[in-house]
């Protein structure tokens, strides 16, 4: 399990910054695209300061992402010449197939399926 903390001051109100700084949600979506997310916690805070001459407001957003890296293994399964086609087709429907190969002569054909298995 890993943790990532992302933080951003809210730029959405600044017209001269619009489009130049990605919104926090875009940054989060990009980060988690290839991760297995366990949990996400979001927090925002607004602070204000003022005196007789000026006033200012800040809006900060933070995200805590708890995640694991997605891991996958490349595996192969071999089917001999006695395996029915519907068994092979069913296996292919239920797995992330990368490659299908046939080896042998007309009497003894082996089918080898290379597939990706997610964790």
C-alpha atoms as a PDB file:
ATOM      1  CA  UNK A   1       0.000   0.000   0.000  1.00  0.00           C
ATOM      2  CA  UNK A   2       1.245   3.485  -0.875  1.00  0.00           C
ATOM      3  CA  UNK A   3       0.130   7.044  -0.189  1.00  0.00           C
ATOM      4  CA  UNK A   4       0.170  10.117  -2.436  1.00  0.00           C
ATOM      5  CA  UNK A   5      -0.710  13.622  -1.242  1.00  0.00           C
ATOM      6  CA  UNK A   6      -1.671  16.227  -3.810  1.00  0.00           C
ATOM      7  CA  UNK A   7      -2.260  19.877  -3.046  1.00  0.00           C
ATOM      8  CA  UNK A   8      -3.365  22.859  -5.066  1.00  0.00           C
ATOM      9  CA  UNK A   9      -4.316  26.430  -4.441  1.00  0.00           C
ATOM     10  CA  UNK A  10      -7.557  27.094  -6.311  1.00  0.00           C
ATOM     11  CA  UNK A  11      -6.634  28.899  -9.512  1.00  0.00           C
ATOM     12  CA  UNK A  12     -10.132  28.775 -11.010  1.00  0.00           C
ATOM     13  CA  UNK A  13     -10.941  32.319  -9.914  1.00  0.00           C
ATOM     14  CA  UNK A  14      -7.872  33.839 -11.542  1.00  0.00           C
ATOM     15  CA  UNK A  15      -8.729  34.721 -15.125  1.00  0.00           C
ATOM     16  CA  UNK A  16      -5.083  35.135 -16.132  1.00  0.00           C
ATOM     17  CA  UNK A  17      -4.292  31.574 -14.882  1.00  0.00           C
ATOM     18  CA  UNK A  18      -7.279  29.718 -16.341  1.00  0.00           C
ATOM     19  CA  UNK A  19      -6.231  26.842 -18.511  1.00  0.00           C
ATOM     20  CA  UNK A  20      -2.574  27.097 -17.480  1.00  0.00           C
ATOM     21  CA  UNK A  21      -2.710  25.066 -14.259  1.00  0.00           C
ATOM     22  CA  UNK A  22      -4.554  21.716 -14.333  1.00  0.00           C
ATOM     23  CA  UNK A  23      -7.366  21.422 -11.847  1.00  0.00           C
ATOM     24  CA  UNK A  24      -6.717  19.088  -8.953  1.00  0.00           C
ATOM     25  CA  UNK A  25      -9.365  16.640 -10.144  1.00  0.00           C
ATOM     26  CA  UNK A  26      -7.586  16.347 -13.512  1.00  0.00           C
ATOM     27  CA  UNK A  27      -4.291  15.686 -11.724  1.00  0.00           C
ATOM     28  CA  UNK A  28      -5.934  13.029  -9.546  1.00  0.00           C
ATOM     29  CA  UNK A  29      -7.643  11.327 -12.503  1.00  0.00           C
ATOM     30  CA  UNK A  30      -4.362  11.181 -14.405  1.00  0.00           C
ATOM     31  CA  UNK A  31      -2.493   9.803 -11.393  1.00  0.00           C
ATOM     32  CA  UNK A  32      -5.000   7.048 -10.577  1.00  0.00           C
ATOM     33  CA  UNK A  33      -5.502   5.905 -14.180  1.00  0.00           C
ATOM     34  CA  UNK A  34      -3.052   3.024 -13.775  1.00  0.00           C
ATOM     35  CA  UNK A  35      -3.431   2.493 -10.020  1.00  0.00           C
ATOM     36  CA  UNK A  36      -5.625   0.306  -7.859  1.00  0.00           C
ATOM     37  CA  UNK A  37      -7.244   2.891  -5.583  1.00  0.00           C
ATOM     38  CA  UNK A  38      -7.997   1.812  -2.035  1.00  0.00           C
ATOM     39  CA  UNK A  39      -9.316   5.143  -0.752  1.00  0.00           C
ATOM     40  CA  UNK A  40      -9.346   8.870  -1.533  1.00  0.00           C
ATOM     41  CA  UNK A  41      -9.754  11.614   1.065  1.00  0.00           C
ATOM     42  CA  UNK A  42     -10.459  15.203   0.049  1.00  0.00           C
ATOM     43  CA  UNK A  43     -10.122  18.375   2.077  1.00  0.00           C
ATOM     44  CA  UNK A  44     -10.496  22.050   1.287  1.00  0.00           C
ATOM     45  CA  UNK A  45      -9.928  25.121   3.347  1.00  0.00           C
ATOM     46  CA  UNK A  46     -10.731  28.775   2.952  1.00  0.00           C
ATOM     47  CA  UNK A  47      -8.786  31.430   4.771  1.00  0.00           C
ATOM     48  CA  UNK A  48      -9.511  35.129   4.885  1.00  0.00           C
ATOM     49  CA  UNK A  49      -7.462  38.051   6.036  1.00  0.00           C
ATOM     50  CA  UNK A  50      -8.433  41.686   6.112  1.00  0.00           C
ATOM     51  CA  UNK A  51      -7.393  44.983   7.526  1.00  0.00           C
ATOM     52  CA  UNK A  52      -8.455  48.569   6.818  1.00  0.00           C
ATOM     53  CA  UNK A  53      -6.686  48.690   3.445  1.00  0.00           C
ATOM     54  CA  UNK A  54      -6.833  45.207   1.863  1.00  0.00           C
ATOM     55  CA  UNK A  55      -8.551  41.862   2.111  1.00  0.00           C
ATOM     56  CA  UNK A  56      -7.589  38.486   0.693  1.00  0.00           C
ATOM     57  CA  UNK A  57      -9.091  35.008   0.450  1.00  0.00           C
ATOM     58  CA  UNK A  58      -7.249  31.755  -0.226  1.00  0.00           C
ATOM     59  CA  UNK A  59      -8.877  28.466  -1.157  1.00  0.00           C
ATOM     60  CA  UNK A  60      -6.669  25.382  -0.829  1.00  0.00           C
ATOM     61  CA  UNK A  61      -7.541  21.828  -1.858  1.00  0.00           C
ATOM     62  CA  UNK A  62      -5.753  18.651  -0.764  1.00  0.00           C
ATOM     63  CA  UNK A  63      -6.216  15.018  -1.697  1.00  0.00           C
ATOM     64  CA  UNK A  64      -4.814  11.949   0.020  1.00  0.00           C
ATOM     65  CA  UNK A  65      -4.783   8.874  -2.220  1.00  0.00           C
ATOM     66  CA  UNK A  66      -4.175   5.429  -0.762  1.00  0.00           C
ATOM     67  CA  UNK A  67      -3.312   3.021  -3.557  1.00  0.00           C
ATOM     68  CA  UNK A  68      -1.428   0.005  -4.825  1.00  0.00           C
ATOM     69  CA  UNK A  69       0.322  -0.242  -8.142  1.00  0.00           C
ATOM     70  CA  UNK A  70      -1.555  -2.463 -10.526  1.00  0.00           C
ATOM     71  CA  UNK A  71       0.535  -5.420 -11.261  1.00  0.00           C
ATOM     72  CA  UNK A  72      -0.004  -7.930 -13.991  1.00  0.00           C
ATOM     73  CA  UNK A  73       1.693 -11.095 -15.053  1.00  0.00           C
ATOM     74  CA  UNK A  74       2.065 -12.478 -18.543  1.00  0.00           C
ATOM     75  CA  UNK A  75       1.065 -16.128 -18.556  1.00  0.00           C
ATOM     76  CA  UNK A  76       0.612 -18.885 -21.106  1.00  0.00           C
ATOM     77  CA  UNK A  77      -1.813 -21.773 -21.240  1.00  0.00           C
ATOM     78  CA  UNK A  78      -1.363 -24.731 -23.554  1.00  0.00           C
ATOM     79  CA  UNK A  79      -4.242 -26.761 -24.984  1.00  0.00           C
ATOM     80  CA  UNK A  80      -3.539 -30.079 -26.661  1.00  0.00           C
ATOM     81  CA  UNK A  81      -5.192 -31.488 -29.785  1.00  0.00           C
ATOM     82  CA  UNK A  82      -7.903 -33.167 -27.680  1.00  0.00           C
ATOM     83  CA  UNK A  83      -9.240 -29.901 -26.266  1.00  0.00           C
ATOM     84  CA  UNK A  84     -12.607 -28.894 -27.683  1.00  0.00           C
ATOM     85  CA  UNK A  85     -12.890 -25.515 -29.446  1.00  0.00           C
ATOM     86  CA  UNK A  86     -15.605 -24.331 -27.054  1.00  0.00           C
ATOM     87  CA  UNK A  87     -13.214 -24.828 -24.091  1.00  0.00           C
ATOM     88  CA  UNK A  88     -10.585 -22.679 -25.810  1.00  0.00           C
ATOM     89  CA  UNK A  89     -13.177 -20.042 -26.759  1.00  0.00           C
ATOM     90  CA  UNK A  90     -14.506 -19.930 -23.199  1.00  0.00           C
ATOM     91  CA  UNK A  91     -10.975 -19.470 -21.829  1.00  0.00           C
ATOM     92  CA  UNK A  92     -10.377 -16.608 -24.283  1.00  0.00           C
ATOM     93  CA  UNK A  93     -13.626 -14.861 -23.286  1.00  0.00           C
ATOM     94  CA  UNK A  94     -12.605 -14.883 -19.627  1.00  0.00           C
ATOM     95  CA  UNK A  95      -8.992 -13.717 -20.006  1.00  0.00           C
ATOM     96  CA  UNK A  96      -7.147 -10.725 -21.384  1.00  0.00           C
ATOM     97  CA  UNK A  97      -5.628 -12.506 -24.404  1.00  0.00           C
ATOM     98  CA  UNK A  98      -2.483 -11.051 -25.956  1.00  0.00           C
ATOM     99  CA  UNK A  99      -1.685 -13.710 -28.521  1.00  0.00           C
ATOM    100  CA  UNK A 100      -3.069 -17.000 -29.874  1.00  0.00           C
ATOM    101  CA  UNK A 101      -0.701 -19.479 -31.569  1.00  0.00           C
ATOM    102  CA  UNK A 102      -1.030 -22.938 -33.073  1.00  0.00           C
ATOM    103  CA  UNK A 103       1.912 -25.355 -33.319  1.00  0.00           C
ATOM    104  CA  UNK A 104       2.280 -28.813 -34.810  1.00  0.00           C
ATOM    105  CA  UNK A 105       1.082 -30.698 -37.855  1.00  0.00           C
ATOM    106  CA  UNK A 106      -2.471 -31.541 -38.890  1.00  0.00           C
ATOM    107  CA  UNK A 107      -2.752 -34.503 -36.511  1.00  0.00           C
ATOM    108  CA  UNK A 108      -1.243 -32.996 -33.358  1.00  0.00           C
ATOM    109  CA  UNK A 109      -1.920 -29.272 -33.039  1.00  0.00           C
ATOM    110  CA  UNK A 110      -1.208 -27.497 -29.771  1.00  0.00           C
ATOM    111  CA  UNK A 111      -2.817 -24.142 -29.062  1.00  0.00           C
ATOM    112  CA  UNK A 112      -0.887 -21.733 -26.861  1.00  0.00           C
ATOM    113  CA  UNK A 113      -2.668 -18.675 -25.498  1.00  0.00           C
ATOM    114  CA  UNK A 114      -0.600 -15.833 -24.054  1.00  0.00           C
ATOM    115  CA  UNK A 115      -2.632 -13.660 -21.710  1.00  0.00           C
ATOM    116  CA  UNK A 116      -2.277 -10.943 -19.094  1.00  0.00           C
ATOM    117  CA  UNK A 117      -3.433 -11.735 -15.593  1.00  0.00           C
ATOM    118  CA  UNK A 118      -4.201  -8.770 -13.346  1.00  0.00           C
ATOM    119  CA  UNK A 119      -3.401  -8.982  -9.639  1.00  0.00           C
END
